[in-house]
């Protein structure tokens, strides 16, 4: 059976092999370094519910004061800080056995697919997910146009 080639799956396979070789050679792995490098870009979902665009951003550990959201014309910018940092005293005595939870600052800019009403936009963060609700402008909403039959034809069809 043929499988479709996937560069991401191939990279993962290559990385796993390198990880295995490093583990055999040095008895430890470099994976947390790579994992942290990739976590500085939060996962983002963007969908249209008919009335508004909804943006969901994974920001574990972020508090409202850690996040900044702005809209200029058709561009959404989200900046913030997420994760956690140990206090100095705890960090001084910590012996790490595994460290994969990302932390740091990020900035993401998205071009929105339709115009939105920035004045009516709402943002909230709950359980590590930032949810933005961006109502579409009246012009951007889908308008249903009723299809009618001409009156002369309507009376002859009866």
N, C-alpha and C. Protein backbone atom coordinates (compact mmCIF):
# COMPACT_ATOMS: atom_id res chain seq x y z
N UNK A 1 0.84 -1.18 0.00
CA UNK A 1 0.00 0.00 0.00
C UNK A 1 0.88 1.24 0.00
N UNK A 2 0.57 2.21 -0.82
CA UNK A 2 1.36 3.44 -0.90
C UNK A 2 0.89 4.43 0.16
N UNK A 3 1.84 5.16 0.70
CA UNK A 3 1.54 6.21 1.66
C UNK A 3 1.96 7.53 1.08
N UNK A 4 1.19 8.56 1.35
CA UNK A 4 1.54 9.90 0.88
C UNK A 4 2.71 10.41 1.70
N UNK A 5 3.70 11.00 1.02
CA UNK A 5 4.88 11.53 1.69
C UNK A 5 4.52 12.77 2.47
N UNK A 6 4.96 12.84 3.70
CA UNK A 6 4.70 14.00 4.55
C UNK A 6 6.02 14.51 5.09
N UNK A 7 6.40 15.75 4.75
CA UNK A 7 7.67 16.27 5.25
C UNK A 7 7.70 16.38 6.77
N UNK A 8 6.56 16.65 7.37
CA UNK A 8 6.53 16.77 8.84
C UNK A 8 6.75 15.40 9.48
N UNK A 9 6.09 14.37 8.95
CA UNK A 9 6.30 13.02 9.49
C UNK A 9 7.75 12.58 9.28
N UNK A 10 8.32 12.95 8.14
CA UNK A 10 9.71 12.60 7.85
C UNK A 10 10.65 13.31 8.83
N UNK A 11 10.38 14.59 9.11
CA UNK A 11 11.19 15.33 10.07
C UNK A 11 11.08 14.69 11.46
N UNK A 12 9.87 14.32 11.86
CA UNK A 12 9.66 13.68 13.16
C UNK A 12 10.43 12.36 13.25
N UNK A 13 10.39 11.56 12.16
CA UNK A 13 11.13 10.30 12.14
C UNK A 13 12.63 10.56 12.27
N UNK A 14 13.13 11.54 11.52
CA UNK A 14 14.54 11.90 11.57
C UNK A 14 14.92 12.38 12.97
N UNK A 15 14.07 13.22 13.55
CA UNK A 15 14.35 13.73 14.89
C UNK A 15 14.38 12.60 15.91
N UNK A 16 13.44 11.66 15.81
CA UNK A 16 13.41 10.53 16.74
C UNK A 16 14.68 9.69 16.63
N UNK A 17 15.16 9.49 15.40
CA UNK A 17 16.41 8.74 15.21
C UNK A 17 17.60 9.47 15.83
N UNK A 18 17.66 10.79 15.59
CA UNK A 18 18.74 11.59 16.18
C UNK A 18 18.66 11.56 17.71
N UNK A 19 17.45 11.63 18.23
CA UNK A 19 17.22 11.60 19.67
C UNK A 19 17.71 10.27 20.25
N UNK A 20 17.38 9.17 19.54
CA UNK A 20 17.82 7.85 19.99
C UNK A 20 19.34 7.75 19.98
N UNK A 21 19.98 8.22 18.90
CA UNK A 21 21.44 8.17 18.81
C UNK A 21 22.10 9.01 19.90
N UNK A 22 21.57 10.20 20.15
CA UNK A 22 22.13 11.07 21.19
C UNK A 22 21.96 10.41 22.57
N UNK A 23 20.81 9.77 22.76
CA UNK A 23 20.57 9.10 24.03
C UNK A 23 21.55 7.96 24.26
N UNK A 24 21.82 7.19 23.20
CA UNK A 24 22.78 6.10 23.32
C UNK A 24 24.20 6.63 23.54
N UNK A 25 24.54 7.72 22.85
CA UNK A 25 25.90 8.25 22.94
C UNK A 25 26.16 8.99 24.25
N UNK A 26 25.20 9.78 24.71
CA UNK A 26 25.44 10.63 25.86
C UNK A 26 24.54 10.35 27.05
N UNK A 27 23.59 9.46 26.90
CA UNK A 27 22.72 9.10 28.01
C UNK A 27 21.67 10.15 28.35
N UNK A 28 21.49 11.12 27.48
CA UNK A 28 20.45 12.13 27.70
C UNK A 28 19.96 12.60 26.34
N UNK A 29 18.93 13.43 26.36
CA UNK A 29 18.34 13.88 25.11
C UNK A 29 18.31 15.39 25.01
N UNK A 30 18.31 15.89 23.81
CA UNK A 30 18.24 17.33 23.57
C UNK A 30 16.82 17.76 23.21
N UNK A 31 15.86 16.85 23.23
CA UNK A 31 14.49 17.16 22.82
C UNK A 31 13.88 18.35 23.55
N UNK A 32 14.03 18.53 24.88
CA UNK A 32 13.41 19.69 25.52
C UNK A 32 13.87 21.03 24.93
N UNK A 33 15.09 21.11 24.44
CA UNK A 33 15.56 22.35 23.84
C UNK A 33 14.74 22.66 22.60
N UNK A 34 14.53 21.66 21.74
CA UNK A 34 13.74 21.86 20.54
C UNK A 34 12.28 22.11 20.90
N UNK A 35 11.75 21.37 21.87
CA UNK A 35 10.36 21.54 22.26
C UNK A 35 10.11 22.97 22.73
N UNK A 36 11.03 23.53 23.53
CA UNK A 36 10.86 24.90 24.00
C UNK A 36 10.95 25.90 22.86
N UNK A 37 11.82 25.63 21.88
CA UNK A 37 11.95 26.54 20.74
C UNK A 37 10.64 26.63 19.96
N UNK A 38 9.94 25.50 19.81
CA UNK A 38 8.71 25.50 19.05
C UNK A 38 7.52 26.03 19.86
N UNK A 39 7.60 26.08 21.18
CA UNK A 39 6.47 26.53 21.98
C UNK A 39 6.35 28.04 22.06
N UNK A 40 7.31 28.79 21.54
CA UNK A 40 7.21 30.24 21.58
C UNK A 40 6.21 30.78 20.57
N UNK A 41 5.61 29.92 19.81
CA UNK A 41 4.55 30.31 18.88
C UNK A 41 3.30 29.55 19.30
N UNK A 42 2.33 30.22 19.91
CA UNK A 42 1.15 29.50 20.40
C UNK A 42 0.28 28.98 19.27
N UNK A 43 -0.42 27.90 19.55
CA UNK A 43 -1.37 27.34 18.58
C UNK A 43 -2.57 28.28 18.48
N UNK A 44 -3.03 28.50 17.23
CA UNK A 44 -4.14 29.44 16.99
C UNK A 44 -5.17 28.77 16.10
N UNK A 45 -6.45 28.90 16.48
CA UNK A 45 -7.57 28.49 15.64
C UNK A 45 -8.34 29.75 15.25
N UNK A 46 -8.82 29.81 14.02
CA UNK A 46 -9.62 30.93 13.54
C UNK A 46 -10.78 30.36 12.74
N UNK A 47 -12.02 30.70 13.15
CA UNK A 47 -13.19 30.22 12.41
C UNK A 47 -14.27 31.28 12.39
N UNK A 48 -15.22 31.10 11.47
CA UNK A 48 -16.33 32.02 11.26
C UNK A 48 -17.60 31.32 11.71
N UNK A 49 -18.36 31.94 12.63
CA UNK A 49 -19.60 31.33 13.08
C UNK A 49 -20.83 31.96 12.43
N UNK A 50 -20.61 32.73 11.38
CA UNK A 50 -21.71 33.39 10.67
C UNK A 50 -21.82 34.86 11.03
N UNK A 51 -21.84 35.16 12.31
CA UNK A 51 -21.96 36.54 12.79
C UNK A 51 -20.61 37.17 13.13
N UNK A 52 -19.64 36.32 13.47
CA UNK A 52 -18.35 36.84 13.94
C UNK A 52 -17.22 35.88 13.58
N UNK A 53 -16.01 36.42 13.59
CA UNK A 53 -14.82 35.58 13.52
C UNK A 53 -14.46 35.25 14.96
N UNK A 54 -14.07 34.02 15.21
CA UNK A 54 -13.68 33.60 16.54
C UNK A 54 -12.23 33.11 16.44
N UNK A 55 -11.39 33.65 17.33
CA UNK A 55 -9.99 33.28 17.36
C UNK A 55 -9.73 32.65 18.73
N UNK A 56 -9.13 31.47 18.74
CA UNK A 56 -8.75 30.80 19.99
C UNK A 56 -7.24 30.62 19.96
N UNK A 57 -6.58 31.02 21.07
CA UNK A 57 -5.13 30.97 21.16
C UNK A 57 -4.75 30.22 22.44
N UNK A 58 -3.89 29.21 22.31
CA UNK A 58 -3.43 28.45 23.48
C UNK A 58 -2.33 29.25 24.17
N UNK A 59 -2.63 29.72 25.38
CA UNK A 59 -1.67 30.51 26.17
C UNK A 59 -1.63 30.00 27.61
N UNK A 60 -1.08 28.79 27.82
CA UNK A 60 -1.09 28.20 29.17
C UNK A 60 -0.39 29.10 30.18
N UNK A 61 -1.05 29.29 31.31
CA UNK A 61 -0.46 30.07 32.39
C UNK A 61 -0.59 31.57 32.23
N UNK A 62 -1.11 32.05 31.11
CA UNK A 62 -1.22 33.50 30.89
C UNK A 62 -2.39 34.08 31.68
N UNK A 63 -2.15 35.28 32.21
CA UNK A 63 -3.19 36.03 32.89
C UNK A 63 -3.61 37.19 31.97
N UNK A 64 -4.79 37.77 32.17
CA UNK A 64 -5.22 38.86 31.30
C UNK A 64 -4.18 39.98 31.16
N UNK A 65 -3.48 40.29 32.24
CA UNK A 65 -2.48 41.37 32.18
C UNK A 65 -1.23 40.97 31.39
N UNK A 66 -1.08 39.69 31.06
CA UNK A 66 0.05 39.21 30.26
C UNK A 66 -0.20 39.32 28.76
N UNK A 67 -1.43 39.67 28.36
CA UNK A 67 -1.82 39.63 26.95
C UNK A 67 -2.23 41.00 26.44
N UNK A 68 -1.92 41.25 25.15
CA UNK A 68 -2.30 42.50 24.50
C UNK A 68 -2.85 42.15 23.12
N UNK A 69 -4.04 42.66 22.82
CA UNK A 69 -4.69 42.37 21.54
C UNK A 69 -5.03 43.69 20.87
N UNK A 70 -4.71 43.80 19.57
CA UNK A 70 -5.06 45.02 18.84
C UNK A 70 -5.50 44.67 17.43
N UNK A 71 -6.38 45.53 16.88
CA UNK A 71 -6.85 45.37 15.51
C UNK A 71 -6.62 46.70 14.80
N UNK A 72 -5.93 46.62 13.67
CA UNK A 72 -5.73 47.81 12.84
C UNK A 72 -6.10 47.42 11.42
N UNK A 73 -7.12 48.10 10.88
CA UNK A 73 -7.69 47.77 9.58
C UNK A 73 -8.08 46.30 9.58
N UNK A 74 -7.48 45.47 8.77
CA UNK A 74 -7.85 44.06 8.69
C UNK A 74 -6.79 43.15 9.30
N UNK A 75 -6.00 43.70 10.23
CA UNK A 75 -4.89 42.96 10.82
C UNK A 75 -5.08 42.84 12.33
N UNK A 76 -5.00 41.61 12.81
CA UNK A 76 -5.10 41.31 14.25
C UNK A 76 -3.71 41.01 14.78
N UNK A 77 -3.32 41.67 15.86
CA UNK A 77 -2.03 41.40 16.48
C UNK A 77 -2.27 40.96 17.92
N UNK A 78 -1.64 39.85 18.30
CA UNK A 78 -1.75 39.32 19.66
C UNK A 78 -0.32 39.20 20.19
N UNK A 79 -0.07 39.87 21.32
CA UNK A 79 1.24 39.79 21.97
C UNK A 79 1.01 39.31 23.39
N UNK A 80 2.02 38.64 23.92
CA UNK A 80 1.85 38.22 25.29
C UNK A 80 2.99 37.39 25.83
N UNK A 81 2.74 36.92 27.02
CA UNK A 81 3.69 36.09 27.75
C UNK A 81 2.89 34.93 28.32
N UNK A 82 3.45 33.75 28.24
CA UNK A 82 2.75 32.60 28.82
C UNK A 82 3.75 31.62 29.41
N UNK A 83 3.21 30.61 30.08
CA UNK A 83 4.05 29.64 30.78
C UNK A 83 4.26 30.08 32.22
N UNK A 84 5.33 29.61 32.81
CA UNK A 84 5.63 29.99 34.19
C UNK A 84 7.14 30.06 34.36
N UNK A 85 7.55 30.77 35.37
CA UNK A 85 8.96 30.87 35.72
C UNK A 85 9.06 30.60 37.22
N UNK A 86 9.99 29.75 37.61
CA UNK A 86 10.19 29.48 39.03
C UNK A 86 10.76 30.71 39.72
N UNK A 87 10.36 30.91 40.97
CA UNK A 87 10.97 32.01 41.71
C UNK A 87 12.45 31.69 41.93
N UNK A 88 13.24 32.70 42.20
CA UNK A 88 14.69 32.55 42.26
C UNK A 88 15.15 31.50 43.27
N UNK A 89 14.53 31.48 44.45
CA UNK A 89 14.92 30.53 45.50
C UNK A 89 14.64 29.09 45.08
N UNK A 90 13.46 28.85 44.50
CA UNK A 90 13.11 27.50 44.05
C UNK A 90 14.03 27.07 42.91
N UNK A 91 14.28 27.98 41.97
CA UNK A 91 15.14 27.66 40.82
C UNK A 91 16.56 27.30 41.27
N UNK A 92 17.03 27.95 42.32
CA UNK A 92 18.39 27.71 42.81
C UNK A 92 18.56 26.27 43.31
N UNK A 93 17.50 25.70 43.89
CA UNK A 93 17.57 24.36 44.47
C UNK A 93 16.93 23.27 43.61
N UNK A 94 16.46 23.64 42.43
CA UNK A 94 15.76 22.67 41.58
C UNK A 94 16.74 21.75 40.85
N UNK A 95 16.39 20.48 40.81
CA UNK A 95 17.10 19.51 39.99
C UNK A 95 16.10 19.05 38.95
N UNK A 96 16.31 19.43 37.70
CA UNK A 96 15.37 19.10 36.63
C UNK A 96 15.60 17.69 36.11
N UNK A 97 14.51 16.93 35.97
CA UNK A 97 14.56 15.61 35.35
C UNK A 97 13.85 15.63 34.00
N UNK A 98 12.96 16.58 33.85
CA UNK A 98 12.24 16.75 32.59
C UNK A 98 11.73 18.18 32.57
N UNK A 99 11.86 18.83 31.41
CA UNK A 99 11.39 20.22 31.30
C UNK A 99 10.90 20.44 29.89
N UNK A 100 9.58 20.46 29.71
CA UNK A 100 8.99 20.59 28.39
C UNK A 100 7.96 21.71 28.28
N UNK A 101 7.50 22.24 29.39
CA UNK A 101 6.50 23.30 29.34
C UNK A 101 7.18 24.58 28.88
N UNK A 102 6.67 25.10 27.76
CA UNK A 102 7.26 26.31 27.18
C UNK A 102 6.90 27.55 27.98
N UNK A 103 7.74 28.54 27.86
CA UNK A 103 7.46 29.84 28.46
C UNK A 103 8.17 30.89 27.63
N UNK A 104 7.68 32.08 27.72
CA UNK A 104 8.33 33.16 26.99
C UNK A 104 7.33 34.15 26.45
N UNK A 105 7.82 35.03 25.59
CA UNK A 105 6.99 36.05 24.98
C UNK A 105 6.75 35.69 23.52
N UNK A 106 5.63 36.15 22.99
CA UNK A 106 5.29 35.88 21.60
C UNK A 106 4.58 37.09 21.00
N UNK A 107 4.56 37.14 19.71
CA UNK A 107 3.81 38.15 18.97
C UNK A 107 3.35 37.51 17.68
N UNK A 108 2.05 37.49 17.45
CA UNK A 108 1.47 36.90 16.25
C UNK A 108 0.59 37.94 15.56
N UNK A 109 0.71 38.00 14.25
CA UNK A 109 -0.11 38.91 13.45
C UNK A 109 -0.85 38.09 12.41
N UNK A 110 -2.17 38.29 12.35
CA UNK A 110 -3.01 37.57 11.40
C UNK A 110 -3.75 38.56 10.51
N UNK A 111 -3.82 38.28 9.24
CA UNK A 111 -4.67 39.06 8.35
C UNK A 111 -6.04 38.42 8.39
N UNK A 112 -7.04 39.19 8.77
CA UNK A 112 -8.39 38.65 8.91
C UNK A 112 -9.04 38.50 7.53
N UNK A 113 -9.80 37.42 7.32
CA UNK A 113 -10.38 37.17 6.00
C UNK A 113 -11.54 38.10 5.64
N UNK A 114 -12.15 38.74 6.63
CA UNK A 114 -13.27 39.67 6.38
C UNK A 114 -13.13 40.86 7.33
N UNK A 115 -13.74 42.00 6.98
CA UNK A 115 -13.70 43.16 7.89
C UNK A 115 -14.49 42.87 9.17
N UNK A 116 -13.97 43.35 10.31
CA UNK A 116 -14.64 43.15 11.60
C UNK A 116 -14.87 44.50 12.27
N UNK A 117 -15.81 44.51 13.21
CA UNK A 117 -16.13 45.70 13.99
C UNK A 117 -15.25 45.69 15.24
N UNK A 118 -14.13 46.39 15.20
CA UNK A 118 -13.16 46.38 16.31
C UNK A 118 -13.77 46.94 17.59
N UNK A 119 -14.71 47.87 17.47
CA UNK A 119 -15.33 48.47 18.66
C UNK A 119 -16.17 47.46 19.44
N UNK A 120 -16.70 46.47 18.77
CA UNK A 120 -17.55 45.46 19.43
C UNK A 120 -16.79 44.18 19.77
N UNK A 121 -15.50 44.14 19.50
CA UNK A 121 -14.70 42.93 19.75
C UNK A 121 -14.62 42.64 21.25
N UNK A 122 -14.54 41.35 21.58
CA UNK A 122 -14.41 40.92 22.98
C UNK A 122 -13.27 39.94 23.10
N UNK A 123 -12.58 39.98 24.25
CA UNK A 123 -11.47 39.06 24.52
C UNK A 123 -11.57 38.56 25.95
N UNK A 124 -11.35 37.27 26.12
CA UNK A 124 -11.31 36.71 27.48
C UNK A 124 -10.35 35.53 27.49
N UNK A 125 -9.72 35.32 28.64
CA UNK A 125 -8.81 34.19 28.78
C UNK A 125 -9.33 33.31 29.91
N UNK A 126 -9.47 32.02 29.61
CA UNK A 126 -9.99 31.08 30.60
C UNK A 126 -9.38 29.71 30.34
N UNK A 127 -8.87 29.08 31.39
CA UNK A 127 -8.27 27.75 31.31
C UNK A 127 -7.17 27.67 30.25
N UNK A 128 -6.37 28.73 30.12
CA UNK A 128 -5.25 28.73 29.20
C UNK A 128 -5.60 28.96 27.74
N UNK A 129 -6.85 29.34 27.47
CA UNK A 129 -7.28 29.63 26.09
C UNK A 129 -7.78 31.07 26.03
N UNK A 130 -7.13 31.86 25.16
CA UNK A 130 -7.59 33.22 24.88
C UNK A 130 -8.63 33.10 23.78
N UNK A 131 -9.84 33.64 24.02
CA UNK A 131 -10.90 33.60 23.02
C UNK A 131 -11.24 35.03 22.62
N UNK A 132 -11.11 35.30 21.32
CA UNK A 132 -11.47 36.61 20.77
C UNK A 132 -12.71 36.42 19.92
N UNK A 133 -13.73 37.26 20.15
CA UNK A 133 -14.93 37.25 19.34
C UNK A 133 -14.95 38.58 18.60
N UNK A 134 -14.82 38.51 17.28
CA UNK A 134 -14.70 39.69 16.44
C UNK A 134 -15.91 39.77 15.51
N UNK A 135 -16.96 40.53 15.91
CA UNK A 135 -18.16 40.61 15.06
C UNK A 135 -17.81 41.15 13.67
N UNK A 136 -18.38 40.52 12.66
CA UNK A 136 -18.13 40.96 11.29
C UNK A 136 -18.93 42.25 11.04
N UNK A 137 -18.40 43.11 10.18
CA UNK A 137 -19.14 44.31 9.81
C UNK A 137 -20.36 43.88 9.00
N UNK A 138 -21.33 44.77 8.92
CA UNK A 138 -22.56 44.45 8.19
C UNK A 138 -22.26 44.07 6.75
N UNK A 139 -21.30 44.76 6.12
CA UNK A 139 -20.94 44.47 4.73
C UNK A 139 -20.37 43.06 4.58
N UNK A 140 -19.70 42.55 5.61
CA UNK A 140 -19.03 41.25 5.51
C UNK A 140 -19.96 40.07 5.78
N UNK A 141 -21.13 40.33 6.34
CA UNK A 141 -22.05 39.23 6.65
C UNK A 141 -22.75 38.73 5.40
N UNK A 142 -23.05 37.46 5.40
CA UNK A 142 -23.75 36.85 4.27
C UNK A 142 -25.20 37.33 4.29
N UNK A 143 -25.66 37.80 3.15
CA UNK A 143 -27.06 38.26 3.04
C UNK A 143 -27.80 37.30 2.14
N UNK A 144 -28.91 36.82 2.60
CA UNK A 144 -29.75 35.93 1.79
C UNK A 144 -30.67 36.80 0.94
N UNK A 145 -30.71 36.49 -0.32
CA UNK A 145 -31.58 37.23 -1.24
C UNK A 145 -32.67 36.27 -1.68
N UNK A 146 -33.91 36.57 -1.36
CA UNK A 146 -34.99 35.66 -1.74
C UNK A 146 -35.16 35.63 -3.27
N UNK A 147 -35.36 34.46 -3.79
CA UNK A 147 -35.60 34.28 -5.22
C UNK A 147 -37.11 34.23 -5.43
N UNK A 148 -37.59 35.11 -6.28
CA UNK A 148 -39.03 35.18 -6.51
C UNK A 148 -39.35 34.92 -7.97
N UNK A 149 -40.55 34.54 -8.19
CA UNK A 149 -41.03 34.32 -9.54
C UNK A 149 -41.76 35.58 -9.99
N UNK A 150 -41.60 35.99 -11.24
CA UNK A 150 -42.33 37.18 -11.70
C UNK A 150 -43.83 36.99 -11.52
N UNK A 151 -44.53 38.07 -11.19
CA UNK A 151 -45.97 37.97 -10.89
C UNK A 151 -46.76 37.45 -12.09
N UNK A 152 -46.42 37.81 -13.29
CA UNK A 152 -47.16 37.33 -14.47
C UNK A 152 -47.05 35.83 -14.60
N UNK A 153 -45.85 35.28 -14.34
CA UNK A 153 -45.68 33.82 -14.42
C UNK A 153 -46.34 33.12 -13.24
N UNK A 154 -46.36 33.74 -12.09
CA UNK A 154 -46.92 33.11 -10.90
C UNK A 154 -48.42 32.87 -11.09
N UNK A 155 -49.15 33.79 -11.73
CA UNK A 155 -50.58 33.60 -11.90
C UNK A 155 -50.90 32.57 -12.98
N UNK A 156 -50.03 32.44 -14.00
CA UNK A 156 -50.29 31.47 -15.07
C UNK A 156 -49.94 30.04 -14.67
N UNK A 157 -49.07 29.89 -13.64
CA UNK A 157 -48.65 28.56 -13.20
C UNK A 157 -49.75 27.89 -12.38
N UNK A 158 -50.62 28.62 -11.72
CA UNK A 158 -51.62 28.08 -10.83
C UNK A 158 -52.64 27.25 -11.52
